[in-house]
Amino acid sequence: MISITQYCTIHNIDTSFVHALADEGLIVLTIATDGPFIEEEQLPELESYTRWHYEMGVNTEGIDVIRHLLGRITDMQKEMRNLRMRLRLYEGD
């Protein structure tokens, strides 16, 4: 678990951004007595969202759209790989 306060201090960002991501359902915060935390597995996504917001000016709704579209692209790439493999079977390569 990574402290949101510590993450925000290290990255010099406002904690309200991380809470807005949680409100949008983009990340899941775990609330403990000493503050909110994020699971370590979510850290790569949080870092991407932070870059998109602070470096490119994308708001939380835009982040959700980008995340969705990237997921669709990944799914389509997997489908294309599977179709290529099936095509090779039929072509005899």
PDB file of N, CA and C in Angstrom:
ATOM      1  N   MET A   1       0.837  -1.181   0.000  1.00  0.00           N
ATOM      2  CA  MET A   1       0.000   0.000   0.000  1.00  0.00           C
ATOM      3  C   MET A   1       0.886   1.249   0.000  1.00  0.00           C
ATOM      4  N   ILE A   2       0.466   2.210  -0.795  1.00  0.00           N
ATOM      5  CA  ILE A   2       1.223   3.454  -0.926  1.00  0.00           C
ATOM      6  C   ILE A   2       0.339   4.598  -0.439  1.00  0.00           C
ATOM      7  N   SER A   3       0.884   5.412   0.420  1.00  0.00           N
ATOM      8  CA  SER A   3       0.161   6.553   0.965  1.00  0.00           C
ATOM      9  C   SER A   3      -0.066   7.596  -0.120  1.00  0.00           C
ATOM     10  N   ILE A   4      -1.310   8.050  -0.228  1.00  0.00           N
ATOM     11  CA  ILE A   4      -1.642   9.088  -1.205  1.00  0.00           C
ATOM     12  C   ILE A   4      -0.927  10.388  -0.847  1.00  0.00           C
ATOM     13  N   THR A   5      -0.860  10.692   0.425  1.00  0.00           N
ATOM     14  CA  THR A   5      -0.166  11.901   0.860  1.00  0.00           C
ATOM     15  C   THR A   5       1.295  11.853   0.439  1.00  0.00           C
ATOM     16  N   GLN A   6       1.936  10.726   0.645  1.00  0.00           N
ATOM     17  CA  GLN A   6       3.343  10.573   0.262  1.00  0.00           C
ATOM     18  C   GLN A   6       3.497  10.650  -1.256  1.00  0.00           C
ATOM     19  N   TYR A   7       2.621   9.986  -1.992  1.00  0.00           N
ATOM     20  CA  TYR A   7       2.682  10.018  -3.459  1.00  0.00           C
ATOM     21  C   TYR A   7       2.559  11.457  -3.962  1.00  0.00           C
ATOM     22  N   CYS A   8       1.591  12.185  -3.424  1.00  0.00           N
ATOM     23  CA  CYS A   8       1.360  13.569  -3.858  1.00  0.00           C
ATOM     24  C   CYS A   8       2.527  14.478  -3.493  1.00  0.00           C
ATOM     25  N   THR A   9       3.135  14.249  -2.341  1.00  0.00           N
ATOM     26  CA  THR A   9       4.297  15.037  -1.942  1.00  0.00           C
ATOM     27  C   THR A   9       5.474  14.784  -2.878  1.00  0.00           C
ATOM     28  N   ILE A  10       5.726  13.529  -3.186  1.00  0.00           N
ATOM     29  CA  ILE A  10       6.836  13.169  -4.066  1.00  0.00           C
ATOM     30  C   ILE A  10       6.639  13.752  -5.461  1.00  0.00           C
ATOM     31  N   HIS A  11       5.401  13.698  -5.976  1.00  0.00           N
ATOM     32  CA  HIS A  11       5.118  14.158  -7.337  1.00  0.00           C
ATOM     33  C   HIS A  11       4.696  15.630  -7.390  1.00  0.00           C
ATOM     34  N   ASN A  12       4.657  16.260  -6.220  1.00  0.00           N
ATOM     35  CA  ASN A  12       4.300  17.674  -6.128  1.00  0.00           C
ATOM     36  C   ASN A  12       2.946  17.972  -6.782  1.00  0.00           C
ATOM     37  N   ILE A  13       1.940  17.160  -6.403  1.00  0.00           N
ATOM     38  CA  ILE A  13       0.590  17.337  -6.926  1.00  0.00           C
ATOM     39  C   ILE A  13      -0.389  17.464  -5.767  1.00  0.00           C
ATOM     40  N   ASP A  14      -1.590  17.911  -6.078  1.00  0.00           N
ATOM     41  CA  ASP A  14      -2.626  18.112  -5.072  1.00  0.00           C
ATOM     42  C   ASP A  14      -3.380  16.802  -4.824  1.00  0.00           C
ATOM     43  N   THR A  15      -3.661  16.503  -3.581  1.00  0.00           N
ATOM     44  CA  THR A  15      -4.380  15.270  -3.245  1.00  0.00           C
ATOM     45  C   THR A  15      -5.799  15.272  -3.823  1.00  0.00           C
ATOM     46  N   SER A  16      -6.344  16.446  -4.088  1.00  0.00           N
ATOM     47  CA  SER A  16      -7.708  16.498  -4.637  1.00  0.00           C
ATOM     48  C   SER A  16      -7.765  15.835  -6.013  1.00  0.00           C
ATOM     49  N   PHE A  17      -6.663  15.860  -6.766  1.00  0.00           N
ATOM     50  CA  PHE A  17      -6.623  15.184  -8.062  1.00  0.00           C
ATOM     51  C   PHE A  17      -6.798  13.683  -7.881  1.00  0.00           C
ATOM     52  N   VAL A  18      -6.096  13.105  -6.937  1.00  0.00           N
ATOM     53  CA  VAL A  18      -6.183  11.663  -6.691  1.00  0.00           C
ATOM     54  C   VAL A  18      -7.590  11.304  -6.209  1.00  0.00           C
ATOM     55  N   HIS A  19      -8.166  12.135  -5.374  1.00  0.00           N
ATOM     56  CA  HIS A  19      -9.530  11.885  -4.908  1.00  0.00           C
ATOM     57  C   HIS A  19     -10.528  12.008  -6.057  1.00  0.00           C
ATOM     58  N   ALA A  20     -10.281  12.927  -6.993  1.00  0.00           N
ATOM     59  CA  ALA A  20     -11.153  13.063  -8.167  1.00  0.00           C
ATOM     60  C   ALA A  20     -11.073  11.803  -9.037  1.00  0.00           C
ATOM     61  N   LEU A  21      -9.878  11.229  -9.161  1.00  0.00           N
ATOM     62  CA  LEU A  21      -9.729   9.976  -9.898  1.00  0.00           C
ATOM     63  C   LEU A  21     -10.533   8.864  -9.231  1.00  0.00           C
ATOM     64  N   ALA A  22     -10.485   8.825  -7.910  1.00  0.00           N
ATOM     65  CA  ALA A  22     -11.248   7.824  -7.170  1.00  0.00           C
ATOM     66  C   ALA A  22     -12.747   8.054  -7.351  1.00  0.00           C
ATOM     67  N   ASP A  23     -13.167   9.314  -7.332  1.00  0.00           N
ATOM     68  CA  ASP A  23     -14.584   9.636  -7.518  1.00  0.00           C
ATOM     69  C   ASP A  23     -15.079   9.205  -8.894  1.00  0.00           C
ATOM     70  N   GLU A  24     -14.208   9.275  -9.898  1.00  0.00           N
ATOM     71  CA  GLU A  24     -14.550   8.855 -11.259  1.00  0.00           C
ATOM     72  C   GLU A  24     -14.481   7.334 -11.415  1.00  0.00           C
ATOM     73  N   GLY A  25     -13.952   6.634 -10.410  1.00  0.00           N
ATOM     74  CA  GLY A  25     -13.834   5.184 -10.490  1.00  0.00           C
ATOM     75  C   GLY A  25     -12.594   4.718 -11.233  1.00  0.00           C
ATOM     76  N   LEU A  26     -11.641   5.614 -11.430  1.00  0.00           N
ATOM     77  CA  LEU A  26     -10.428   5.261 -12.159  1.00  0.00           C
ATOM     78  C   LEU A  26      -9.402   4.545 -11.296  1.00  0.00           C
ATOM     79  N   ILE A  27      -9.424   4.830 -10.009  1.00  0.00           N
ATOM     80  CA  ILE A  27      -8.571   4.137  -9.046  1.00  0.00           C
ATOM     81  C   ILE A  27      -9.408   3.827  -7.818  1.00  0.00           C
ATOM     82  N   VAL A  28      -8.909   2.938  -6.994  1.00  0.00           N
ATOM     83  CA  VAL A  28      -9.597   2.575  -5.757  1.00  0.00           C
ATOM     84  C   VAL A  28      -8.707   2.969  -4.591  1.00  0.00           C
ATOM     85  N   LEU A  29      -9.245   3.787  -3.715  1.00  0.00           N
ATOM     86  CA  LEU A  29      -8.512   4.184  -2.518  1.00  0.00           C
ATOM     87  C   LEU A  29      -8.943   3.320  -1.347  1.00  0.00           C
ATOM     88  N   THR A  30      -7.989   2.988  -0.519  1.00  0.00           N
ATOM     89  CA  THR A  30      -8.262   2.294   0.731  1.00  0.00           C
ATOM     90  C   THR A  30      -8.061   3.310   1.841  1.00  0.00           C
ATOM     91  N   ILE A  31      -9.104   3.538   2.620  1.00  0.00           N
ATOM     92  CA  ILE A  31      -9.040   4.531   3.687  1.00  0.00           C
ATOM     93  C   ILE A  31      -8.656   3.831   4.988  1.00  0.00           C
ATOM     94  N   ALA A  32      -7.582   4.306   5.594  1.00  0.00           N
ATOM     95  CA  ALA A  32      -7.122   3.791   6.885  1.00  0.00           C
ATOM     96  C   ALA A  32      -7.117   4.945   7.872  1.00  0.00           C
ATOM     97  N   THR A  33      -6.809   4.652   9.112  1.00  0.00           N
ATOM     98  CA  THR A  33      -6.808   5.689  10.144  1.00  0.00           C
ATOM     99  C   THR A  33      -5.773   6.769   9.869  1.00  0.00           C
ATOM    100  N   ASP A  34      -4.678   6.398   9.184  1.00  0.00           N
ATOM    101  CA  ASP A  34      -3.635   7.386   8.899  1.00  0.00           C
ATOM    102  C   ASP A  34      -3.716   7.923   7.470  1.00  0.00           C
ATOM    103  N   GLY A  35      -4.878   7.830   6.830  1.00  0.00           N
ATOM    104  CA  GLY A  35      -5.097   8.450   5.531  1.00  0.00           C
ATOM    105  C   GLY A  35      -5.426   7.461   4.432  1.00  0.00           C
ATOM    106  N   PRO A  36      -5.637   7.995   3.221  1.00  0.00           N
ATOM    107  CA  PRO A  36      -5.947   7.126   2.084  1.00  0.00           C
ATOM    108  C   PRO A  36      -4.684   6.488   1.494  1.00  0.00           C
ATOM    109  N   PHE A  37      -4.870   5.285   0.990  1.00  0.00           N
ATOM    110  CA  PHE A  37      -3.777   4.527   0.379  1.00  0.00           C
ATOM    111  C   PHE A  37      -4.254   3.952  -0.941  1.00  0.00           C
ATOM    112  N   ILE A  38      -3.282   3.589  -1.771  1.00  0.00           N
ATOM    113  CA  ILE A  38      -3.571   2.926  -3.042  1.00  0.00           C
ATOM    114  C   ILE A  38      -2.770   1.637  -3.100  1.00  0.00           C
ATOM    115  N   GLU A  39      -3.353   0.617  -3.690  1.00  0.00           N
ATOM    116  CA  GLU A  39      -2.641  -0.652  -3.857  1.00  0.00           C
ATOM    117  C   GLU A  39      -1.474  -0.442  -4.825  1.00  0.00           C
ATOM    118  N   GLU A  40      -0.394  -1.126  -4.572  1.00  0.00           N
ATOM    119  CA  GLU A  40       0.814  -0.988  -5.399  1.00  0.00           C
ATOM    120  C   GLU A  40       0.538  -1.348  -6.860  1.00  0.00           C
ATOM    121  N   GLU A  41      -0.393  -2.280  -7.105  1.00  0.00           N
ATOM    122  CA  GLU A  41      -0.709  -2.705  -8.470  1.00  0.00           C
ATOM    123  C   GLU A  41      -1.317  -1.574  -9.295  1.00  0.00           C
ATOM    124  N   GLN A  42      -1.924  -0.587  -8.628  1.00  0.00           N
ATOM    125  CA  GLN A  42      -2.552   0.531  -9.332  1.00  0.00           C
ATOM    126  C   GLN A  42      -1.575   1.678  -9.618  1.00  0.00           C
ATOM    127  N   LEU A  43      -0.389   1.587  -9.086  1.00  0.00           N
ATOM    128  CA  LEU A  43       0.580   2.677  -9.215  1.00  0.00           C
ATOM    129  C   LEU A  43       0.908   3.034 -10.670  1.00  0.00           C
ATOM    130  N   PRO A  44       1.120   2.071 -11.576  1.00  0.00           N
ATOM    131  CA  PRO A  44       1.396   2.463 -12.968  1.00  0.00           C
ATOM    132  C   PRO A  44       0.262   3.280 -13.590  1.00  0.00           C
ATOM    133  N   GLU A  45      -0.984   2.899 -13.307  1.00  0.00           N
ATOM    134  CA  GLU A  45      -2.109   3.666 -13.835  1.00  0.00           C
ATOM    135  C   GLU A  45      -2.141   5.058 -13.231  1.00  0.00           C
ATOM    136  N   LEU A  46      -1.941   5.152 -11.934  1.00  0.00           N
ATOM    137  CA  LEU A  46      -1.952   6.452 -11.270  1.00  0.00           C
ATOM    138  C   LEU A  46      -0.857   7.356 -11.832  1.00  0.00           C
ATOM    139  N   GLU A  47       0.302   6.798 -12.088  1.00  0.00           N
ATOM    140  CA  GLU A  47       1.393   7.593 -12.650  1.00  0.00           C
ATOM    141  C   GLU A  47       1.051   8.071 -14.064  1.00  0.00           C
ATOM    142  N   SER A  48       0.425   7.210 -14.864  1.00  0.00           N
ATOM    143  CA  SER A  48      -0.006   7.620 -16.203  1.00  0.00           C
ATOM    144  C   SER A  48      -1.035   8.732 -16.112  1.00  0.00           C
ATOM    145  N   TYR A  49      -2.035   8.560 -15.252  1.00  0.00           N
ATOM    146  CA  TYR A  49      -3.083   9.568 -15.105  1.00  0.00           C
ATOM    147  C   TYR A  49      -2.494  10.897 -14.639  1.00  0.00           C
ATOM    148  N   THR A  50      -1.517  10.829 -13.748  1.00  0.00           N
ATOM    149  CA  THR A  50      -0.860  12.040 -13.248  1.00  0.00           C
ATOM    150  C   THR A  50      -0.156  12.771 -14.385  1.00  0.00           C
ATOM    151  N   ARG A  51       0.575  12.018 -15.219  1.00  0.00           N
ATOM    152  CA  ARG A  51       1.266  12.637 -16.363  1.00  0.00           C
ATOM    153  C   ARG A  51       0.266  13.245 -17.339  1.00  0.00           C
ATOM    154  N   TRP A  52      -0.788  12.504 -17.659  1.00  0.00           N
ATOM    155  CA  TRP A  52      -1.787  13.011 -18.601  1.00  0.00           C
ATOM    156  C   TRP A  52      -2.402  14.317 -18.091  1.00  0.00           C
ATOM    157  N   HIS A  53      -2.676  14.366 -16.806  1.00  0.00           N
ATOM    158  CA  HIS A  53      -3.335  15.541 -16.236  1.00  0.00           C
ATOM    159  C   HIS A  53      -2.383  16.729 -16.130  1.00  0.00           C
ATOM    160  N   TYR A  54      -1.224  16.515 -15.544  1.00  0.00           N
ATOM    161  CA  TYR A  54      -0.325  17.634 -15.257  1.00  0.00           C
ATOM    162  C   TYR A  54       0.565  18.033 -16.430  1.00  0.00           C
ATOM    163  N   GLU A  55       0.901  17.088 -17.300  1.00  0.00           N
ATOM    164  CA  GLU A  55       1.765  17.422 -18.430  1.00  0.00           C
ATOM    165  C   GLU A  55       0.972  17.773 -19.687  1.00  0.00           C
ATOM    166  N   MET A  56      -0.221  17.174 -19.836  1.00  0.00           N
ATOM    167  CA  MET A  56      -0.987  17.404 -21.061  1.00  0.00           C
ATOM    168  C   MET A  56      -2.309  18.129 -20.815  1.00  0.00           C
ATOM    169  N   GLY A  57      -2.639  18.375 -19.550  1.00  0.00           N
ATOM    170  CA  GLY A  57      -3.847  19.131 -19.240  1.00  0.00           C
ATOM    171  C   GLY A  57      -5.145  18.378 -19.441  1.00  0.00           C
ATOM    172  N   VAL A  58      -5.112  17.061 -19.354  1.00  0.00           N
ATOM    173  CA  VAL A  58      -6.314  16.247 -19.546  1.00  0.00           C
ATOM    174  C   VAL A  58      -7.081  16.178 -18.226  1.00  0.00           C
ATOM    175  N   ASN A  59      -8.390  16.458 -18.277  1.00  0.00           N
ATOM    176  CA  ASN A  59      -9.198  16.379 -17.055  1.00  0.00           C
ATOM    177  C   ASN A  59      -9.584  14.926 -16.763  1.00  0.00           C
ATOM    178  N   THR A  60     -10.226  14.689 -15.630  1.00  0.00           N
ATOM    179  CA  THR A  60     -10.521  13.310 -15.217  1.00  0.00           C
ATOM    180  C   THR A  60     -11.466  12.613 -16.193  1.00  0.00           C
ATOM    181  N   GLU A  61     -12.410  13.356 -16.774  1.00  0.00           N
ATOM    182  CA  GLU A  61     -13.308  12.743 -17.756  1.00  0.00           C
ATOM    183  C   GLU A  61     -12.528  12.327 -19.000  1.00  0.00           C
ATOM    184  N   GLY A  62     -11.574  13.158 -19.408  1.00  0.00           N
ATOM    185  CA  GLY A  62     -10.723  12.835 -20.546  1.00  0.00           C
ATOM    186  C   GLY A  62      -9.826  11.644 -20.261  1.00  0.00           C
ATOM    187  N   ILE A  63      -9.348  11.561 -19.033  1.00  0.00           N
ATOM    188  CA  ILE A  63      -8.517  10.425 -18.632  1.00  0.00           C
ATOM    189  C   ILE A  63      -9.312   9.135 -18.759  1.00  0.00           C
ATOM    190  N   ASP A  64     -10.573   9.172 -18.353  1.00  0.00           N
ATOM    191  CA  ASP A  64     -11.429   7.990 -18.458  1.00  0.00           C
ATOM    192  C   ASP A  64     -11.615   7.594 -19.918  1.00  0.00           C
ATOM    193  N   VAL A  65     -11.815   8.562 -20.793  1.00  0.00           N
ATOM    194  CA  VAL A  65     -11.974   8.283 -22.222  1.00  0.00           C
ATOM    195  C   VAL A  65     -10.691   7.682 -22.792  1.00  0.00           C
ATOM    196  N   ILE A  66      -9.552   8.275 -22.477  1.00  0.00           N
ATOM    197  CA  ILE A  66      -8.264   7.764 -22.974  1.00  0.00           C
ATOM    198  C   ILE A  66      -8.035   6.344 -22.488  1.00  0.00           C
ATOM    199  N   ARG A  67      -8.295   6.101 -21.205  1.00  0.00           N
ATOM    200  CA  ARG A  67      -8.121   4.762 -20.634  1.00  0.00           C
ATOM    201  C   ARG A  67      -8.995   3.753 -21.370  1.00  0.00           C
ATOM    202  N   HIS A  68     -10.242   4.136 -21.625  1.00  0.00           N
ATOM    203  CA  HIS A  68     -11.170   3.250 -22.323  1.00  0.00           C
ATOM    204  C   HIS A  68     -10.680   2.950 -23.742  1.00  0.00           C
ATOM    205  N   LEU A  69     -10.263   3.989 -24.460  1.00  0.00           N
ATOM    206  CA  LEU A  69      -9.798   3.799 -25.836  1.00  0.00           C
ATOM    207  C   LEU A  69      -8.529   2.960 -25.898  1.00  0.00           C
ATOM    208  N   LEU A  70      -7.606   3.175 -24.967  1.00  0.00           N
ATOM    209  CA  LEU A  70      -6.382   2.361 -24.937  1.00  0.00           C
ATOM    210  C   LEU A  70      -6.714   0.894 -24.657  1.00  0.00           C
ATOM    211  N   GLY A  71      -7.694   0.662 -23.803  1.00  0.00           N
ATOM    212  CA  GLY A  71      -8.145  -0.707 -23.542  1.00  0.00           C
ATOM    213  C   GLY A  71      -8.724  -1.353 -24.789  1.00  0.00           C
ATOM    214  N   ARG A  72      -9.510  -0.587 -25.535  1.00  0.00           N
ATOM    215  CA  ARG A  72     -10.083  -1.095 -26.786  1.00  0.00           C
ATOM    216  C   ARG A  72      -8.981  -1.415 -27.793  1.00  0.00           C
ATOM    217  N   ILE A  73      -7.978  -0.548 -27.890  1.00  0.00           N
ATOM    218  CA  ILE A  73      -6.860  -0.782 -28.815  1.00  0.00           C
ATOM    219  C   ILE A  73      -6.133  -2.061 -28.437  1.00  0.00           C
ATOM    220  N   THR A  74      -5.875  -2.245 -27.150  1.00  0.00           N
ATOM    221  CA  THR A  74      -5.201  -3.457 -26.675  1.00  0.00           C
ATOM    222  C   THR A  74      -6.011  -4.700 -27.027  1.00  0.00           C
ATOM    223  N   ASP A  75      -7.314  -4.636 -26.807  1.00  0.00           N
ATOM    224  CA  ASP A  75      -8.183  -5.775 -27.142  1.00  0.00           C
ATOM    225  C   ASP A  75      -8.144  -6.068 -28.641  1.00  0.00           C
ATOM    226  N   MET A  76      -8.180  -5.028 -29.455  1.00  0.00           N
ATOM    227  CA  MET A  76      -8.155  -5.211 -30.907  1.00  0.00           C
ATOM    228  C   MET A  76      -6.816  -5.777 -31.371  1.00  0.00           C
ATOM    229  N   GLN A  77      -5.720  -5.357 -30.734  1.00  0.00           N
ATOM    230  CA  GLN A  77      -4.415  -5.904 -31.084  1.00  0.00           C
ATOM    231  C   GLN A  77      -4.341  -7.392 -30.753  1.00  0.00           C
ATOM    232  N   LYS A  78      -4.900  -7.778 -29.612  1.00  0.00           N
ATOM    233  CA  LYS A  78      -4.935  -9.200 -29.247  1.00  0.00           C
ATOM    234  C   LYS A  78      -5.756  -9.989 -30.258  1.00  0.00           C
ATOM    235  N   GLU A  79      -6.898  -9.428 -30.643  1.00  0.00           N
ATOM    236  CA  GLU A  79      -7.747 -10.096 -31.621  1.00  0.00           C
ATOM    237  C   GLU A  79      -7.033 -10.243 -32.964  1.00  0.00           C
ATOM    238  N   MET A  80      -6.315  -9.224 -33.382  1.00  0.00           N
ATOM    239  CA  MET A  80      -5.570  -9.294 -34.640  1.00  0.00           C
ATOM    240  C   MET A  80      -4.487 -10.375 -34.581  1.00  0.00           C
ATOM    241  N   ARG A  81      -3.778 -10.462 -33.441  1.00  0.00           N
ATOM    242  CA  ARG A  81      -2.762 -11.513 -33.292  1.00  0.00           C
ATOM    243  C   ARG A  81      -3.400 -12.889 -33.403  1.00  0.00           C
ATOM    244  N   ASN A  82      -4.542 -13.069 -32.732  1.00  0.00           N
ATOM    245  CA  ASN A  82      -5.232 -14.360 -32.790  1.00  0.00           C
ATOM    246  C   ASN A  82      -5.689 -14.682 -34.210  1.00  0.00           C
ATOM    247  N   LEU A  83      -6.218 -13.698 -34.913  1.00  0.00           N
ATOM    248  CA  LEU A  83      -6.664 -13.916 -36.286  1.00  0.00           C
ATOM    249  C   LEU A  83      -5.495 -14.239 -37.208  1.00  0.00           C
ATOM    250  N   ARG A  84      -4.358 -13.577 -36.999  1.00  0.00           N
ATOM    251  CA  ARG A  84      -3.176 -13.880 -37.805  1.00  0.00           C
ATOM    252  C   ARG A  84      -2.712 -15.319 -37.581  1.00  0.00           C
ATOM    253  N   MET A  85      -2.749 -15.746 -36.320  1.00  0.00           N
ATOM    254  CA  MET A  85      -2.346 -17.122 -36.012  1.00  0.00           C
ATOM    255  C   MET A  85      -3.293 -18.111 -36.678  1.00  0.00           C
ATOM    256  N   ARG A  86      -4.583 -17.834 -36.635  1.00  0.00           N
ATOM    257  CA  ARG A  86      -5.564 -18.716 -37.276  1.00  0.00           C
ATOM    258  C   ARG A  86      -5.367 -18.733 -38.787  1.00  0.00           C
ATOM    259  N   LEU A  87      -5.082 -17.573 -39.364  1.00  0.00           N
ATOM    260  CA  LEU A  87      -4.859 -17.484 -40.805  1.00  0.00           C
ATOM    261  C   LEU A  87      -3.636 -18.293 -41.212  1.00  0.00           C
ATOM    262  N   ARG A  88      -2.581 -18.229 -40.397  1.00  0.00           N
ATOM    263  CA  ARG A  88      -1.372 -19.018 -40.697  1.00  0.00           C
ATOM    264  C   ARG A  88      -1.667 -20.508 -40.690  1.00  0.00           C
ATOM    265  N   LEU A  89      -2.554 -20.935 -39.792  1.00  0.00           N
ATOM    266  CA  LEU A  89      -2.926 -22.355 -39.754  1.00  0.00           C
ATOM    267  C   LEU A  89      -3.589 -22.760 -41.072  1.00  0.00           C
ATOM    268  N   TYR A  90      -4.458 -21.919 -41.568  1.00  0.00           N
ATOM    269  CA  TYR A  90      -5.179 -22.225 -42.819  1.00  0.00           C
ATOM    270  C   TYR A  90      -4.299 -22.089 -44.039  1.00  0.00           C
ATOM    271  N   GLU A  91      -3.291 -21.222 -43.983  1.00  0.00           N
ATOM    272  CA  GLU A  91      -2.390 -21.028 -45.122  1.00  0.00           C
ATOM    273  C   GLU A  91      -1.310 -22.090 -45.163  1.00  0.00           C
ATOM    274  N   GLY A  92      -1.076 -22.752 -44.027  1.00  0.00           N
ATOM    275  CA  GLY A  92      -0.077 -23.799 -43.977  1.00  0.00           C
ATOM    276  C   GLY A  92       1.334 -23.318 -43.709  1.00  0.00           C
ATOM    277  N   ASP A  93       1.495 -22.127 -43.127  1.00  0.00           N
ATOM    278  CA  ASP A  93       2.836 -21.616 -42.805  1.00  0.00           C
ATOM    279  C   ASP A  93       3.409 -22.292 -41.607  1.00  0.00           C
TER     280      ASP A  93
END
